[in-house]
PDB file of N, CA and C in Angstrom:
ATOM      1  N   MET A   1     -59.331  47.510 -48.158  1.00  0.00           N
ATOM      2  CA  MET A   1     -59.598  49.072 -47.692  1.00  0.00           C
ATOM      3  C   MET A   1     -61.252  49.474 -47.176  1.00  0.00           C
ATOM      4  N   THR A   2     -61.923  49.837 -45.613  1.00  0.00           N
ATOM      5  CA  THR A   2     -62.860  50.174 -46.149  1.00  0.00           C
ATOM      6  C   THR A   2     -62.378  51.788 -46.416  1.00  0.00           C
ATOM      7  N   PHE A   3     -63.607  52.425 -46.706  1.00  0.00           N
ATOM      8  CA  PHE A   3     -63.827  54.000 -46.976  1.00  0.00           C
ATOM      9  C   PHE A   3     -63.511  54.999 -45.610  1.00  0.00           C
ATOM     10  N   GLY A   4     -63.331  54.901 -44.791  1.00  0.00           N
ATOM     11  CA  GLY A   4     -62.342  55.631 -43.592  1.00  0.00           C
ATOM     12  C   GLY A   4     -61.076  55.583 -43.895  1.00  0.00           C
ATOM     13  N   THR A   5     -60.513  54.518 -43.628  1.00  0.00           N
ATOM     14  CA  THR A   5     -59.658  54.390 -43.993  1.00  0.00           C
ATOM     15  C   THR A   5     -58.875  54.779 -45.335  1.00  0.00           C
ATOM     16  N   TRP A   6     -59.078  55.026 -46.193  1.00  0.00           N
ATOM     17  CA  TRP A   6     -59.289  55.375 -47.513  1.00  0.00           C
ATOM     18  C   TRP A   6     -58.761  56.778 -47.435  1.00  0.00           C
ATOM     19  N   LEU A   7     -59.823  57.696 -46.942  1.00  0.00           N
ATOM     20  CA  LEU A   7     -60.273  58.927 -46.988  1.00  0.00           C
ATOM     21  C   LEU A   7     -59.432  59.426 -44.880  1.00  0.00           C
ATOM     22  N   PHE A   8     -58.504  58.452 -44.332  1.00  0.00           N
ATOM     23  CA  PHE A   8     -58.113  58.928 -43.592  1.00  0.00           C
ATOM     24  C   PHE A   8     -56.332  58.954 -43.874  1.00  0.00           C
ATOM     25  N   THR A   9     -55.874  57.949 -44.810  1.00  0.00           N
ATOM     26  CA  THR A   9     -55.415  58.249 -45.395  1.00  0.00           C
ATOM     27  C   THR A   9     -54.826  59.013 -46.608  1.00  0.00           C
ATOM     28  N   LYS A  10     -56.019  59.727 -47.354  1.00  0.00           N
ATOM     29  CA  LYS A  10     -55.788  60.375 -48.242  1.00  0.00           C
ATOM     30  C   LYS A  10     -55.436  61.959 -48.015  1.00  0.00           C
ATOM     31  N   MET A  11     -56.292  62.678 -46.310  1.00  0.00           N
ATOM     32  CA  MET A  11     -56.367  63.584 -46.154  1.00  0.00           C
ATOM     33  C   MET A  11     -54.756  64.000 -44.734  1.00  0.00           C
ATOM     34  N   ARG A  12     -54.582  62.692 -44.232  1.00  0.00           N
ATOM     35  CA  ARG A  12     -53.874  62.779 -43.639  1.00  0.00           C
ATOM     36  C   ARG A  12     -52.059  62.376 -43.570  1.00  0.00           C
ATOM     37  N   GLY A  13     -52.511  61.304 -44.761  1.00  0.00           N
ATOM     38  CA  GLY A  13     -50.857  60.213 -44.880  1.00  0.00           C
ATOM     39  C   GLY A  13     -50.299  60.631 -45.337  1.00  0.00           C
ATOM     40  N   GLU A  14     -48.647  60.334 -45.299  1.00  0.00           N
ATOM     41  CA  GLU A  14     -47.668  60.501 -46.007  1.00  0.00           C
ATOM     42  C   GLU A  14     -47.163  59.496 -46.709  1.00  0.00           C
ATOM     43  N   LEU A  15     -46.792  58.642 -47.900  1.00  0.00           N
ATOM     44  CA  LEU A  15     -46.196  57.122 -48.612  1.00  0.00           C
ATOM     45  C   LEU A  15     -45.058  58.081 -47.495  1.00  0.00           C
ATOM     46  N   VAL A  16     -44.642  56.130 -47.055  1.00  0.00           N
ATOM     47  CA  VAL A  16     -43.374  56.527 -47.059  1.00  0.00           C
ATOM     48  C   VAL A  16     -42.660  55.725 -47.573  1.00  0.00           C
ATOM     49  N   GLY A  17     -43.303  54.426 -47.839  1.00  0.00           N
ATOM     50  CA  GLY A  17     -42.479  53.467 -48.449  1.00  0.00           C
ATOM     51  C   GLY A  17     -43.504  51.982 -49.042  1.00  0.00           C
ATOM     52  N   THR A  18     -42.798  50.767 -49.922  1.00  0.00           N
ATOM     53  CA  THR A  18     -43.338  50.122 -50.213  1.00  0.00           C
ATOM     54  C   THR A  18     -42.403  48.740 -49.932  1.00  0.00           C
ATOM     55  N   ASP A  19     -43.446  47.352 -49.892  1.00  0.00           N
ATOM     56  CA  ASP A  19     -42.469  46.083 -49.775  1.00  0.00           C
ATOM     57  C   ASP A  19     -42.561  46.002 -50.920  1.00  0.00           C
ATOM     58  N   SER A  20     -41.447  44.346 -50.897  1.00  0.00           N
ATOM     59  CA  SER A  20     -41.922  43.717 -52.147  1.00  0.00           C
ATOM     60  C   SER A  20     -43.192  43.158 -52.417  1.00  0.00           C
ATOM     61  N   ASP A  21     -44.319  42.797 -51.260  1.00  0.00           N
ATOM     62  CA  ASP A  21     -45.211  42.798 -51.517  1.00  0.00           C
ATOM     63  C   ASP A  21     -45.829  43.617 -52.861  1.00  0.00           C
ATOM     64  N   GLY A  22     -45.556  44.593 -52.164  1.00  0.00           N
ATOM     65  CA  GLY A  22     -46.739  46.072 -52.669  1.00  0.00           C
ATOM     66  C   GLY A  22     -47.575  46.565 -51.601  1.00  0.00           C
ATOM     67  N   ASN A  23     -46.968  46.101 -49.907  1.00  0.00           N
ATOM     68  CA  ASN A  23     -47.507  46.877 -48.978  1.00  0.00           C
ATOM     69  C   ASN A  23     -47.275  48.167 -49.134  1.00  0.00           C
ATOM     70  N   ARG A  24     -47.895  49.475 -48.950  1.00  0.00           N
ATOM     71  CA  ARG A  24     -47.774  50.661 -48.813  1.00  0.00           C
ATOM     72  C   ARG A  24     -47.245  51.085 -47.153  1.00  0.00           C
ATOM     73  N   TYR A  25     -46.652  51.578 -46.789  1.00  0.00           N
ATOM     74  CA  TYR A  25     -46.685  52.476 -45.437  1.00  0.00           C
ATOM     75  C   TYR A  25     -46.612  53.968 -45.215  1.00  0.00           C
ATOM     76  N   TYR A  26     -47.432  54.136 -44.129  1.00  0.00           N
ATOM     77  CA  TYR A  26     -47.620  55.581 -44.230  1.00  0.00           C
ATOM     78  C   TYR A  26     -47.416  55.914 -43.468  1.00  0.00           C
ATOM     79  N   GLN A  27     -47.386  57.312 -42.982  1.00  0.00           N
ATOM     80  CA  GLN A  27     -47.446  58.206 -41.953  1.00  0.00           C
ATOM     81  C   GLN A  27     -47.736  59.536 -41.926  1.00  0.00           C
ATOM     82  N   ASP A  28     -48.366  59.528 -40.230  1.00  0.00           N
ATOM     83  CA  ASP A  28     -49.363  61.340 -40.407  1.00  0.00           C
ATOM     84  C   ASP A  28     -48.305  62.141 -41.106  1.00  0.00           C
ATOM     85  N   LYS A  29     -48.998  62.772 -41.292  1.00  0.00           N
ATOM     86  CA  LYS A  29     -48.313  63.881 -42.410  1.00  0.00           C
ATOM     87  C   LYS A  29     -47.795  65.423 -41.655  1.00  0.00           C
ATOM     88  N   ARG A  30     -48.391  65.634 -40.141  1.00  0.00           N
ATOM     89  CA  ARG A  30     -48.150  66.123 -38.940  1.00  0.00           C
ATOM     90  C   ARG A  30     -47.980  65.756 -37.722  1.00  0.00           C
ATOM     91  N   MET A  31     -46.926  66.073 -37.063  1.00  0.00           N
ATOM     92  CA  MET A  31     -47.451  65.773 -35.204  1.00  0.00           C
ATOM     93  C   MET A  31     -47.881  66.695 -34.851  1.00  0.00           C
ATOM     94  N   ILE A  32     -48.703  65.728 -33.886  1.00  0.00           N
ATOM     95  CA  ILE A  32     -50.101  66.362 -33.332  1.00  0.00           C
ATOM     96  C   ILE A  32     -49.866  67.170 -31.564  1.00  0.00           C
ATOM     97  N   PRO A  33     -50.440  68.053 -31.612  1.00  0.00           N
ATOM     98  CA  PRO A  33     -49.795  69.124 -30.633  1.00  0.00           C
ATOM     99  C   PRO A  33     -49.972  67.216 -28.406  1.00  0.00           C
ATOM    100  N   GLY A  34     -48.997  67.187 -28.541  1.00  0.00           N
ATOM    101  CA  GLY A  34     -49.046  66.549 -27.187  1.00  0.00           C
ATOM    102  C   GLY A  34     -48.753  65.169 -26.751  1.00  0.00           C
ATOM    103  N   MET A  35     -48.685  64.589 -28.682  1.00  0.00           N
ATOM    104  CA  MET A  35     -48.669  63.702 -28.998  1.00  0.00           C
ATOM    105  C   MET A  35     -46.666  63.437 -29.125  1.00  0.00           C
ATOM    106  N   ARG A  36     -45.747  62.463 -28.731  1.00  0.00           N
ATOM    107  CA  ARG A  36     -44.842  61.922 -29.187  1.00  0.00           C
ATOM    108  C   ARG A  36     -44.105  61.815 -30.383  1.00  0.00           C
ATOM    109  N   ARG A  37     -44.784  60.732 -30.806  1.00  0.00           N
ATOM    110  CA  ARG A  37     -44.428  60.536 -32.391  1.00  0.00           C
ATOM    111  C   ARG A  37     -45.787  60.547 -33.222  1.00  0.00           C
ATOM    112  N   ARG A  38     -45.460  60.297 -34.725  1.00  0.00           N
ATOM    113  CA  ARG A  38     -46.730  59.973 -35.638  1.00  0.00           C
ATOM    114  C   ARG A  38     -47.200  59.202 -35.665  1.00  0.00           C
ATOM    115  N   LYS A  39     -48.332  59.231 -35.973  1.00  0.00           N
ATOM    116  CA  LYS A  39     -49.363  57.250 -36.032  1.00  0.00           C
ATOM    117  C   LYS A  39     -48.618  56.647 -37.372  1.00  0.00           C
ATOM    118  N   ARG A  40     -48.101  55.351 -37.088  1.00  0.00           N
ATOM    119  CA  ARG A  40     -47.977  54.700 -38.935  1.00  0.00           C
ATOM    120  C   ARG A  40     -48.850  53.654 -39.059  1.00  0.00           C
ATOM    121  N   TRP A  41     -49.090  53.332 -40.146  1.00  0.00           N
ATOM    122  CA  TRP A  41     -49.871  52.325 -40.615  1.00  0.00           C
ATOM    123  C   TRP A  41     -49.221  51.757 -41.881  1.00  0.00           C
ATOM    124  N   VAL A  42     -50.391  50.610 -41.871  1.00  0.00           N
ATOM    125  CA  VAL A  42     -50.197  50.084 -43.637  1.00  0.00           C
ATOM    126  C   VAL A  42     -51.564  49.806 -44.192  1.00  0.00           C
ATOM    127  N   ILE A  43     -51.155  49.971 -45.483  1.00  0.00           N
ATOM    128  CA  ILE A  43     -52.383  48.826 -46.340  1.00  0.00           C
ATOM    129  C   ILE A  43     -51.827  48.229 -47.204  1.00  0.00           C
ATOM    130  N   TYR A  44     -52.533  46.751 -47.062  1.00  0.00           N
ATOM    131  CA  TYR A  44     -52.039  45.703 -47.922  1.00  0.00           C
ATOM    132  C   TYR A  44     -52.604  46.219 -49.541  1.00  0.00           C
ATOM    133  N   ASN A  45     -51.923  45.417 -49.891  1.00  0.00           N
ATOM    134  CA  ASN A  45     -52.173  44.520 -51.366  1.00  0.00           C
ATOM    135  C   ASN A  45     -52.077  43.809 -51.088  1.00  0.00           C
ATOM    136  N   GLY A  46     -54.421  43.287 -51.671  1.00  0.00           N
ATOM    137  CA  GLY A  46     -54.396  42.176 -51.233  1.00  0.00           C
ATOM    138  C   GLY A  46     -55.678  42.289 -50.581  1.00  0.00           C
ATOM    139  N   GLU A  47     -55.277  40.809 -49.257  1.00  0.00           N
ATOM    140  CA  GLU A  47     -55.578  40.427 -48.247  1.00  0.00           C
ATOM    141  C   GLU A  47     -55.367  40.926 -47.252  1.00  0.00           C
ATOM    142  N   PRO A  48     -56.033  41.802 -46.200  1.00  0.00           N
ATOM    143  CA  PRO A  48     -55.224  42.258 -44.800  1.00  0.00           C
ATOM    144  C   PRO A  48     -54.920  40.672 -43.807  1.00  0.00           C
ATOM    145  N   GLU A  49     -53.617  40.848 -43.879  1.00  0.00           N
ATOM    146  CA  GLU A  49     -53.154  39.466 -42.690  1.00  0.00           C
ATOM    147  C   GLU A  49     -51.924  40.448 -42.257  1.00  0.00           C
ATOM    148  N   ALA A  50     -51.505  40.300 -41.012  1.00  0.00           N
ATOM    149  CA  ALA A  50     -50.606  40.826 -40.481  1.00  0.00           C
ATOM    150  C   ALA A  50     -48.777  40.105 -40.761  1.00  0.00           C
ATOM    151  N   SER A  51     -48.991  38.722 -41.001  1.00  0.00           N
ATOM    152  CA  SER A  51     -47.849  38.172 -41.004  1.00  0.00           C
ATOM    153  C   SER A  51     -47.140  38.445 -42.523  1.00  0.00           C
ATOM    154  N   ARG A  52     -48.086  39.135 -42.882  1.00  0.00           N
ATOM    155  CA  ARG A  52     -47.610  39.667 -44.484  1.00  0.00           C
ATOM    156  C   ARG A  52     -46.332  40.825 -44.503  1.00  0.00           C
ATOM    157  N   VAL A  53     -46.589  41.086 -43.297  1.00  0.00           N
ATOM    158  CA  VAL A  53     -45.448  42.243 -42.795  1.00  0.00           C
ATOM    159  C   VAL A  53     -44.073  42.003 -42.750  1.00  0.00           C
ATOM    160  N   PRO A  54     -42.998  42.594 -43.465  1.00  0.00           N
ATOM    161  CA  PRO A  54     -41.576  41.488 -44.053  1.00  0.00           C
ATOM    162  C   PRO A  54     -41.173  42.411 -42.130  1.00  0.00           C
ATOM    163  N   ALA A  55     -39.771  41.352 -41.921  1.00  0.00           N
ATOM    164  CA  ALA A  55     -39.492  41.942 -40.414  1.00  0.00           C
ATOM    165  C   ALA A  55     -38.883  43.719 -40.545  1.00  0.00           C
ATOM    166  N   ASP A  56     -38.316  43.917 -41.517  1.00  0.00           N
ATOM    167  CA  ASP A  56     -37.802  45.150 -42.488  1.00  0.00           C
ATOM    168  C   ASP A  56     -38.657  46.109 -41.436  1.00  0.00           C
ATOM    169  N   TRP A  57     -39.762  46.033 -41.877  1.00  0.00           N
ATOM    170  CA  TRP A  57     -41.094  47.065 -42.017  1.00  0.00           C
ATOM    171  C   TRP A  57     -41.621  46.989 -40.964  1.00  0.00           C
ATOM    172  N   HIS A  58     -41.648  45.901 -40.050  1.00  0.00           N
ATOM    173  CA  HIS A  58     -41.781  45.251 -38.691  1.00  0.00           C
ATOM    174  C   HIS A  58     -41.848  46.359 -37.899  1.00  0.00           C
ATOM    175  N   GLY A  59     -40.763  46.666 -37.244  1.00  0.00           N
ATOM    176  CA  GLY A  59     -39.319  47.586 -37.303  1.00  0.00           C
ATOM    177  C   GLY A  59     -40.000  48.848 -36.803  1.00  0.00           C
ATOM    178  N   TRP A  60     -39.857  49.009 -38.052  1.00  0.00           N
ATOM    179  CA  TRP A  60     -40.536  50.268 -38.391  1.00  0.00           C
ATOM    180  C   TRP A  60     -41.836  50.997 -38.257  1.00  0.00           C
ATOM    181  N   LEU A  61     -42.883  49.750 -38.353  1.00  0.00           N
ATOM    182  CA  LEU A  61     -44.059  50.369 -38.324  1.00  0.00           C
ATOM    183  C   LEU A  61     -44.381  50.739 -36.648  1.00  0.00           C
ATOM    184  N   HIS A  62     -44.108  49.608 -35.688  1.00  0.00           N
ATOM    185  CA  HIS A  62     -43.952  49.781 -34.076  1.00  0.00           C
ATOM    186  C   HIS A  62     -42.488  50.099 -33.098  1.00  0.00           C
ATOM    187  N   TYR A  63     -41.770  51.422 -34.356  1.00  0.00           N
ATOM    188  CA  TYR A  63     -41.344  52.080 -33.243  1.00  0.00           C
ATOM    189  C   TYR A  63     -39.551  51.464 -33.146  1.00  0.00           C
ATOM    190  N   THR A  64     -39.561  50.622 -33.834  1.00  0.00           N
ATOM    191  CA  THR A  64     -38.436  50.215 -32.784  1.00  0.00           C
ATOM    192  C   THR A  64     -37.397  50.964 -33.674  1.00  0.00           C
ATOM    193  N   THR A  65     -37.343  51.022 -34.903  1.00  0.00           N
ATOM    194  CA  THR A  65     -36.633  52.546 -35.930  1.00  0.00           C
ATOM    195  C   THR A  65     -37.448  53.843 -36.704  1.00  0.00           C
ATOM    196  N   ASN A  66     -36.742  54.557 -36.493  1.00  0.00           N
ATOM    197  CA  ASN A  66     -37.164  55.518 -36.860  1.00  0.00           C
ATOM    198  C   ASN A  66     -36.757  56.016 -38.557  1.00  0.00           C
ATOM    199  N   THR A  67     -35.827  55.173 -38.928  1.00  0.00           N
ATOM    200  CA  THR A  67     -35.587  55.328 -40.421  1.00  0.00           C
ATOM    201  C   THR A  67     -36.363  53.990 -41.150  1.00  0.00           C
ATOM    202  N   PRO A  68     -36.872  54.170 -42.248  1.00  0.00           N
ATOM    203  CA  PRO A  68     -37.895  52.839 -43.046  1.00  0.00           C
ATOM    204  C   PRO A  68     -36.944  52.647 -43.874  1.00  0.00           C
ATOM    205  N   PRO A  69     -36.861  51.010 -44.054  1.00  0.00           N
ATOM    206  CA  PRO A  69     -35.730  50.487 -44.798  1.00  0.00           C
ATOM    207  C   PRO A  69     -35.582  50.744 -46.099  1.00  0.00           C
ATOM    208  N   PRO A  70     -34.330  50.873 -46.944  1.00  0.00           N
ATOM    209  CA  PRO A  70     -34.169  51.116 -48.022  1.00  0.00           C
ATOM    210  C   PRO A  70     -35.108  49.875 -49.222  1.00  0.00           C
ATOM    211  N   ALA A  71     -35.036  50.687 -50.399  1.00  0.00           N
ATOM    212  CA  ALA A  71     -36.084  49.983 -51.581  1.00  0.00           C
ATOM    213  C   ALA A  71     -35.665  48.940 -51.382  1.00  0.00           C
ATOM    214  N   GLY A  72     -34.387  48.069 -51.035  1.00  0.00           N
ATOM    215  CA  GLY A  72     -34.436  46.620 -51.281  1.00  0.00           C
ATOM    216  C   GLY A  72     -34.748  45.782 -50.617  1.00  0.00           C
ATOM    217  N   GLY A  73     -34.841  46.439 -49.128  1.00  0.00           N
ATOM    218  CA  GLY A  73     -34.550  45.478 -48.233  1.00  0.00           C
ATOM    219  C   GLY A  73     -33.604  45.988 -47.399  1.00  0.00           C
ATOM    220  N   LEU A  74     -33.269  45.509 -46.092  1.00  0.00           N
ATOM    221  CA  LEU A  74     -31.865  45.809 -45.177  1.00  0.00           C
ATOM    222  C   LEU A  74     -31.444  44.513 -46.146  1.00  0.00           C
ATOM    223  N   PRO A  75     -29.895  43.996 -45.452  1.00  0.00           N
ATOM    224  CA  PRO A  75     -28.722  43.171 -46.447  1.00  0.00           C
ATOM    225  C   PRO A  75     -29.266  41.998 -45.780  1.00  0.00           C
ATOM    226  N   ARG A  76     -28.882  41.167 -46.419  1.00  0.00           N
ATOM    227  CA  ARG A  76     -29.307  40.127 -45.106  1.00  0.00           C
ATOM    228  C   ARG A  76     -28.526  39.041 -45.532  1.00  0.00           C
ATOM    229  N   ARG A  77     -28.482  38.171 -43.975  1.00  0.00           N
ATOM    230  CA  ARG A  77     -26.705  37.165 -43.974  1.00  0.00           C
ATOM    231  C   ARG A  77     -27.571  36.238 -44.748  1.00  0.00           C
ATOM    232  N   PRO A  78     -26.481  35.324 -45.083  1.00  0.00           N
ATOM    233  CA  PRO A  78     -26.184  33.827 -45.502  1.00  0.00           C
ATOM    234  C   PRO A  78     -27.350  32.868 -44.830  1.00  0.00           C
ATOM    235  N   TRP A  79     -27.351  33.029 -43.617  1.00  0.00           N
ATOM    236  CA  TRP A  79     -28.029  31.515 -42.943  1.00  0.00           C
ATOM    237  C   TRP A  79     -30.086  32.748 -42.639  1.00  0.00           C
ATOM    238  N   GLN A  80     -30.127  33.661 -43.644  1.00  0.00           N
ATOM    239  CA  GLN A  80     -31.673  34.125 -43.204  1.00  0.00           C
ATOM    240  C   GLN A  80     -32.296  33.519 -44.432  1.00  0.00           C
ATOM    241  N   LYS A  81     -33.704  33.648 -44.160  1.00  0.00           N
ATOM    242  CA  LYS A  81     -34.379  32.828 -44.433  1.00  0.00           C
ATOM    243  C   LYS A  81     -35.540  34.257 -45.181  1.00  0.00           C
ATOM    244  N   GLU A  82     -35.759  34.047 -46.361  1.00  0.00           N
ATOM    245  CA  GLU A  82     -36.831  34.689 -47.009  1.00  0.00           C
ATOM    246  C   GLU A  82     -38.230  34.542 -46.191  1.00  0.00           C
ATOM    247  N   HIS A  83     -38.797  35.981 -46.261  1.00  0.00           N
ATOM    248  CA  HIS A  83     -39.739  36.151 -45.133  1.00  0.00           C
ATOM    249  C   HIS A  83     -41.066  35.444 -45.600  1.00  0.00           C
ATOM    250  N   LEU A  84     -41.929  34.481 -44.935  1.00  0.00           N
ATOM    251  CA  LEU A  84     -42.940  33.771 -45.396  1.00  0.00           C
ATOM    252  C   LEU A  84     -44.232  34.837 -44.285  1.00  0.00           C
ATOM    253  N   PRO A  85     -45.455  34.441 -45.050  1.00  0.00           N
ATOM    254  CA  PRO A  85     -46.597  34.807 -44.484  1.00  0.00           C
ATOM    255  C   PRO A  85     -47.120  33.731 -43.646  1.00  0.00           C
ATOM    256  N   ASN A  86     -48.111  34.037 -42.901  1.00  0.00           N
ATOM    257  CA  ASN A  86     -48.879  32.634 -42.221  1.00  0.00           C
ATOM    258  C   ASN A  86     -49.457  31.961 -43.252  1.00  0.00           C
ATOM    259  N   LEU A  87     -49.396  31.071 -43.712  1.00  0.00           N
ATOM    260  CA  LEU A  87     -49.776  29.602 -44.600  1.00  0.00           C
ATOM    261  C   LEU A  87     -50.644  28.471 -44.339  1.00  0.00           C
ATOM    262  N   SER A  88     -51.580  29.435 -42.787  1.00  0.00           N
ATOM    263  CA  SER A  88     -52.756  28.354 -41.890  1.00  0.00           C
ATOM    264  C   SER A  88     -53.568  28.577 -42.947  1.00  0.00           C
ATOM    265  N   GLY A  89     -54.283  27.918 -42.781  1.00  0.00           N
ATOM    266  CA  GLY A  89     -56.255  27.749 -43.839  1.00  0.00           C
ATOM    267  C   GLY A  89     -55.848  28.265 -45.110  1.00  0.00           C
ATOM    268  N   THR A  90     -54.997  27.799 -46.025  1.00  0.00           N
ATOM    269  CA  THR A  90     -53.884  28.155 -47.665  1.00  0.00           C
ATOM    270  C   THR A  90     -53.895  26.897 -47.716  1.00  0.00           C
ATOM    271  N   PRO A  91     -53.869  26.043 -49.044  1.00  0.00           N
ATOM    272  CA  PRO A  91     -53.731  24.999 -49.673  1.00  0.00           C
ATOM    273  C   PRO A  91     -52.493  24.487 -49.021  1.00  0.00           C
ATOM    274  N   LEU A  92     -51.284  25.432 -48.620  1.00  0.00           N
ATOM    275  CA  LEU A  92     -49.687  25.354 -48.842  1.00  0.00           C
ATOM    276  C   LEU A  92     -49.799  25.015 -47.146  1.00  0.00           C
ATOM    277  N   ALA A  93     -50.269  25.144 -46.734  1.00  0.00           N
ATOM    278  CA  ALA A  93     -50.433  24.706 -45.000  1.00  0.00           C
ATOM    279  C   ALA A  93     -49.609  23.550 -44.439  1.00  0.00           C
ATOM    280  N   TYR A  94     -49.239  23.406 -43.555  1.00  0.00           N
ATOM    281  CA  TYR A  94     -48.385  22.801 -43.184  1.00  0.00           C
ATOM    282  C   TYR A  94     -49.161  21.225 -42.596  1.00  0.00           C
ATOM    283  N   HIS A  95     -49.563  20.042 -42.789  1.00  0.00           N
ATOM    284  CA  HIS A  95     -50.733  18.778 -42.044  1.00  0.00           C
ATOM    285  C   HIS A  95     -49.412  17.892 -42.107  1.00  0.00           C
ATOM    286  N   PRO A  96     -49.083  17.185 -41.019  1.00  0.00           N
ATOM    287  CA  PRO A  96     -48.540  16.529 -40.332  1.00  0.00           C
ATOM    288  C   PRO A  96     -49.067  15.067 -40.987  1.00  0.00           C
ATOM    289  N   PRO A  97     -48.446  14.194 -40.489  1.00  0.00           N
ATOM    290  CA  PRO A  97     -48.592  12.273 -41.118  1.00  0.00           C
ATOM    291  C   PRO A  97     -49.961  11.753 -40.149  1.00  0.00           C
ATOM    292  N   GLY A  98     -50.541  11.761 -40.966  1.00  0.00           N
ATOM    293  CA  GLY A  98     -51.885  11.114 -39.996  1.00  0.00           C
ATOM    294  C   GLY A  98     -52.788  12.378 -39.907  1.00  0.00           C
ATOM    295  N   SER A  99     -52.533  13.044 -40.458  1.00  0.00           N
ATOM    296  CA  SER A  99     -53.898  14.338 -39.840  1.00  0.00           C
ATOM    297  C   SER A  99     -54.407  14.151 -41.497  1.00  0.00           C
ATOM    298  N   ALA A 100     -56.003  14.314 -41.118  1.00  0.00           N
ATOM    299  CA  ALA A 100     -56.629  14.094 -41.907  1.00  0.00           C
ATOM    300  C   ALA A 100     -56.853  14.738 -42.629  1.00  0.00           C
ATOM    301  N   LEU A 101     -55.462  16.560 -43.118  1.00  0.00           N
ATOM    302  CA  LEU A 101     -56.002  16.916 -44.354  1.00  0.00           C
ATOM    303  C   LEU A 101     -54.633  16.525 -44.558  1.00  0.00           C
ATOM    304  N   ALA A 102     -54.031  15.313 -44.052  1.00  0.00           N
ATOM    305  CA  ALA A 102     -52.692  15.206 -45.566  1.00  0.00           C
ATOM    306  C   ALA A 102     -52.838  14.970 -46.577  1.00  0.00           C
ATOM    307  N   GLU A 103     -51.784  14.893 -47.092  1.00  0.00           N
ATOM    308  CA  GLU A 103     -52.322  14.518 -48.642  1.00  0.00           C
ATOM    309  C   GLU A 103     -52.468  12.812 -49.037  1.00  0.00           C
ATOM    310  N   THR A 104     -51.859  12.295 -48.330  1.00  0.00           N
ATOM    311  CA  THR A 104     -51.782  10.766 -48.410  1.00  0.00           C
ATOM    312  C   THR A 104     -52.512  10.376 -47.283  1.00  0.00           C
ATOM    313  N   ARG A 105     -53.344   9.817 -46.763  1.00  0.00           N
ATOM    314  CA  ARG A 105     -54.047   9.218 -46.287  1.00  0.00           C
ATOM    315  C   ARG A 105     -53.651   8.392 -44.895  1.00  0.00           C
ATOM    316  N   ASP A 106     -52.532   7.179 -46.573  1.00  0.00           N
ATOM    317  CA  ASP A 106     -52.193   5.971 -45.544  1.00  0.00           C
ATOM    318  C   ASP A 106     -50.744   6.061 -45.050  1.00  0.00           C
ATOM    319  N   SER A 107     -50.315   7.510 -44.447  1.00  0.00           N
ATOM    320  CA  SER A 107     -48.947   7.633 -44.010  1.00  0.00           C
ATOM    321  C   SER A 107     -49.153   8.436 -43.207  1.00  0.00           C
ATOM    322  N   LYS A 108     -48.932   7.212 -42.094  1.00  0.00           N
ATOM    323  CA  LYS A 108     -48.970   7.353 -40.326  1.00  0.00           C
ATOM    324  C   LYS A 108     -48.599   8.216 -38.941  1.00  0.00           C
ATOM    325  N   PRO A 109     -48.580   8.497 -38.508  1.00  0.00           N
ATOM    326  CA  PRO A 109     -48.044   9.561 -37.360  1.00  0.00           C
ATOM    327  C   PRO A 109     -47.167   8.651 -36.621  1.00  0.00           C
ATOM    328  N   LYS A 110     -45.845   9.660 -36.070  1.00  0.00           N
ATOM    329  CA  LYS A 110     -45.205   8.818 -36.129  1.00  0.00           C
ATOM    330  C   LYS A 110     -45.265   8.754 -34.291  1.00  0.00           C
ATOM    331  N   PRO A 111     -44.625   7.423 -33.633  1.00  0.00           N
ATOM    332  CA  PRO A 111     -45.793   7.159 -32.212  1.00  0.00           C
ATOM    333  C   PRO A 111     -44.816   8.198 -31.118  1.00  0.00           C
ATOM    334  N   TYR A 112     -45.132   8.783 -30.587  1.00  0.00           N
ATOM    335  CA  TYR A 112     -45.051   9.839 -29.390  1.00  0.00           C
ATOM    336  C   TYR A 112     -43.312   9.402 -28.703  1.00  0.00           C
ATOM    337  N   TYR A 113     -43.116   7.697 -28.788  1.00  0.00           N
ATOM    338  CA  TYR A 113     -41.667   7.729 -27.939  1.00  0.00           C
ATOM    339  C   TYR A 113     -41.138   5.887 -28.683  1.00  0.00           C
ATOM    340  N   GLU A 114     -40.470   5.794 -28.242  1.00  0.00           N
ATOM    341  CA  GLU A 114     -39.512   4.110 -29.158  1.00  0.00           C
ATOM    342  C   GLU A 114     -39.364   3.459 -27.832  1.00  0.00           C
ATOM    343  N   ALA A 115     -39.741   2.238 -27.395  1.00  0.00           N
ATOM    344  CA  ALA A 115     -39.689   1.530 -26.409  1.00  0.00           C
ATOM    345  C   ALA A 115     -38.192   1.111 -26.480  1.00  0.00           C
ATOM    346  N   TRP A 116     -37.113   1.001 -24.986  1.00  0.00           N
ATOM    347  CA  TRP A 116     -36.105   0.732 -24.896  1.00  0.00           C
ATOM    348  C   TRP A 116     -35.874  -0.356 -25.437  1.00  0.00           C
ATOM    349  N   ARG A 117     -35.090  -1.221 -26.338  1.00  0.00           N
ATOM    350  CA  ARG A 117     -34.760  -2.575 -25.948  1.00  0.00           C
ATOM    351  C   ARG A 117     -32.970  -2.602 -26.346  1.00  0.00           C
ATOM    352  N   PRO A 118     -32.705  -3.765 -25.126  1.00  0.00           N
ATOM    353  CA  PRO A 118     -31.487  -4.202 -25.108  1.00  0.00           C
ATOM    354  C   PRO A 118     -31.266  -4.819 -26.170  1.00  0.00           C
TER     355      PRO A 118
END
């Protein structure tokens, strides 16, 4: 976090809540004349990566909903997966078979098509 962001948050920010990652969500303390809504922002816990914002808070940040999600998050359906941030550029990133970065170099990629044989 830069000094300017820290100062702006201290002077004008009102803490709305936090998520399971420890990211803190703020909104402007007051309504600015001429503006229709308060400014909203997030202070990341660790590396600032936008894909670390869960869907519950994403809706609030982008003014889809005016009520922040509850402390434990919104109720989940059985078919919903847990939020997973973007893993590109990390050791956990996906590498398809045949990639130079795949764990086993002897794995060959699948062919694009399979010839039909009667």
